[in-house]
Every structure is written in C-alpha cells, then in structure tokens.
C-alpha atoms as a PDB file:
ATOM      1  CA  MET A   1    -107.275  11.176 -77.478  1.00  0.00           C
ATOM      2  CA  PRO A   2    -109.796  11.583 -74.643  1.00  0.00           C
ATOM      3  CA  THR A   3    -109.483   9.080 -71.978  1.00  0.00           C
ATOM      4  CA  SER A   4    -112.762   7.610 -70.792  1.00  0.00           C
ATOM      5  CA  PRO A   5    -113.384   7.531 -67.239  1.00  0.00           C
ATOM      6  CA  SER A   6    -112.185   4.921 -64.822  1.00  0.00           C
ATOM      7  CA  PRO A   7    -115.236   2.567 -63.926  1.00  0.00           C
ATOM      8  CA  THR A   8    -116.598   2.933 -60.538  1.00  0.00           C
ATOM      9  CA  PRO A   9    -115.555   0.385 -58.024  1.00  0.00           C
ATOM     10  CA  ARG A  10    -118.121  -2.111 -57.527  1.00  0.00           C
ATOM     11  CA  ARG A  11    -119.293  -3.036 -53.676  1.00  0.00           C
ATOM     12  CA  LEU A  12    -120.581  -6.331 -52.559  1.00  0.00           C
ATOM     13  CA  ILE A  13    -123.496  -6.028 -50.414  1.00  0.00           C
ATOM     14  CA  ALA A  14    -124.026  -8.891 -48.199  1.00  0.00           C
ATOM     15  CA  VAL A  15    -127.835 -10.221 -48.079  1.00  0.00           C
ATOM     16  CA  LEU A  16    -128.488 -12.169 -44.952  1.00  0.00           C
ATOM     17  CA  ASP A  17    -131.687 -14.113 -44.794  1.00  0.00           C
ATOM     18  CA  TYR A  18    -133.525 -13.989 -41.403  1.00  0.00           C
ATOM     19  CA  SER A  19    -136.275 -16.364 -40.172  1.00  0.00           C
ATOM     20  CA  TYR A  20    -139.013 -14.546 -38.158  1.00  0.00           C
ATOM     21  CA  LEU A  21    -141.183 -15.311 -35.382  1.00  0.00           C
ATOM     22  CA  VAL A  22    -144.062 -13.204 -34.251  1.00  0.00           C
ATOM     23  CA  LEU A  23    -145.377 -13.303 -30.664  1.00  0.00           C
ATOM     24  CA  ARG A  24    -148.480 -11.870 -29.715  1.00  0.00           C
ATOM     25  CA  LEU A  25    -148.626 -11.079 -25.784  1.00  0.00           C
ATOM     26  CA  PRO A  26    -152.272 -10.311 -24.695  1.00  0.00           C
ATOM     27  CA  ARG A  27    -153.076  -7.383 -22.381  1.00  0.00           C
ATOM     28  CA  GLY A  28    -152.513  -8.040 -18.938  1.00  0.00           C
ATOM     29  CA  THR A  29    -149.111  -9.501 -19.456  1.00  0.00           C
ATOM     30  CA  SER A  30    -147.009  -7.935 -17.122  1.00  0.00           C
ATOM     31  CA  ARG A  31    -143.289  -6.341 -18.281  1.00  0.00           C
ATOM     32  CA  ASP A  32    -141.533  -9.077 -16.088  1.00  0.00           C
ATOM     33  CA  VAL A  33    -143.156 -11.982 -17.627  1.00  0.00           C
ATOM     34  CA  ALA A  34    -142.969 -10.067 -21.226  1.00  0.00           C
ATOM     35  CA  ARG A  35    -139.239  -9.817 -20.094  1.00  0.00           C
ATOM     36  CA  GLN A  36    -138.739 -13.414 -19.145  1.00  0.00           C
ATOM     37  CA  ILE A  37    -140.446 -14.724 -22.538  1.00  0.00           C
ATOM     38  CA  LEU A  38    -138.121 -12.764 -24.623  1.00  0.00           C
ATOM     39  CA  THR A  39    -134.903 -13.602 -22.830  1.00  0.00           C
ATOM     40  CA  GLU A  40    -135.922 -17.171 -23.026  1.00  0.00           C
ATOM     41  CA  HIS A  41    -136.232 -16.933 -26.607  1.00  0.00           C
ATOM     42  CA  ALA A  42    -133.040 -14.968 -27.079  1.00  0.00           C
ATOM     43  CA  GLU A  43    -130.869 -17.338 -24.733  1.00  0.00           C
ATOM     44  CA  TYR A  44    -131.975 -20.673 -25.895  1.00  0.00           C
ATOM     45  CA  GLY A  45    -133.315 -20.086 -29.404  1.00  0.00           C
ATOM     46  CA  GLY A  46    -130.990 -17.353 -30.679  1.00  0.00           C
ATOM     47  CA  TRP A  47    -133.511 -14.843 -31.358  1.00  0.00           C
ATOM     48  CA  GLU A  48    -133.114 -11.159 -31.378  1.00  0.00           C
ATOM     49  CA  LEU A  49    -135.749  -8.449 -31.171  1.00  0.00           C
ATOM     50  CA  ASP A  50    -136.624  -6.890 -34.557  1.00  0.00           C
ATOM     51  CA  ARG A  51    -139.820  -5.106 -33.731  1.00  0.00           C
ATOM     52  CA  LEU A  52    -141.945  -4.368 -30.613  1.00  0.00           C
ATOM     53  CA  ARG A  53    -145.470  -2.717 -30.972  1.00  0.00           C
ATOM     54  CA  LEU A  54    -147.455  -1.709 -27.924  1.00  0.00           C
ATOM     55  CA  TYR A  55    -151.201  -1.192 -28.596  1.00  0.00           C
ATOM     56  CA  PRO A  56    -153.431   1.513 -26.630  1.00  0.00           C
ATOM     57  CA  ASP A  57    -155.389  -1.606 -25.198  1.00  0.00           C
ATOM     58  CA  GLY A  58    -152.160  -3.024 -23.589  1.00  0.00           C
ATOM     59  CA  ARG A  59    -151.416  -6.064 -26.045  1.00  0.00           C
ATOM     60  CA  ARG A  60    -148.153  -6.606 -27.662  1.00  0.00           C
ATOM     61  CA  ASP A  61    -146.934  -7.703 -30.787  1.00  0.00           C
ATOM     62  CA  VAL A  62    -143.100  -8.805 -30.731  1.00  0.00           C
ATOM     63  CA  ARG A  63    -141.106  -9.760 -33.990  1.00  0.00           C
ATOM     64  CA  LEU A  64    -138.053 -11.894 -33.341  1.00  0.00           C
ATOM     65  CA  ARG A  65    -135.604 -12.671 -35.941  1.00  0.00           C
ATOM     66  CA  ARG A  66    -132.493 -15.081 -36.491  1.00  0.00           C
ATOM     67  CA  LYS A  67    -129.849 -15.592 -39.154  1.00  0.00           C
ATOM     68  CA  VAL A  68    -130.584 -18.385 -41.290  1.00  0.00           C
ATOM     69  CA  ILE A  69    -127.288 -20.483 -41.536  1.00  0.00           C
ATOM     70  CA  ARG A  70    -126.831 -21.929 -44.991  1.00  0.00           C
ATOM     71  CA  ALA A  71    -124.446 -24.948 -45.211  1.00  0.00           C
ATOM     72  CA  THR A  72    -122.200 -24.722 -48.372  1.00  0.00           C
ATOM     73  CA  ARG A  73    -120.412 -27.695 -49.964  1.00  0.00           C
ATOM     74  CA  THR A  74    -116.958 -28.021 -49.408  1.00  0.00           C
ATOM     75  CA  MET A  75    -116.181 -30.782 -52.095  1.00  0.00           C
END
C-alpha cells in the first residue's frame, strides 16, 4: 500500500502592523537640520526611517514608521 507523503510543515508568519508618518522637507533644508529633525522623531517618538526620497530640485520626502502595539486581554 503506497504511503502518502507527509504534510509539509507550516510556518507561522508574523504580521507586524506599522503606523507611518510622512515628512516633506522643502528644498533649502540643510542636511544638519534634516538630521536633527529625524533624530528627534527617532529618540522621542520611537520612529524609524522607512524611506527617503531626494528629488532633483532639493526637496525631500521622508517616510517614518513605528510598530503599533496592540494590547491583549489577560483575563
């Protein structure tokens, strides 16, 4: 009697939810000022850099993200 192949192991994939914040820095914003703004958001808001786009005219679009913490009931 032929044996059926064993079922493939299933992997759990953790889905993380993030909230996003988009900052638009106008042209003429120096690198030091942009760094300071991003550093303050990271230190005090818990944001991390997700995407940075620098356009030819000098403006920057910065997308920051942070994990959404969901409370679960214990009782």
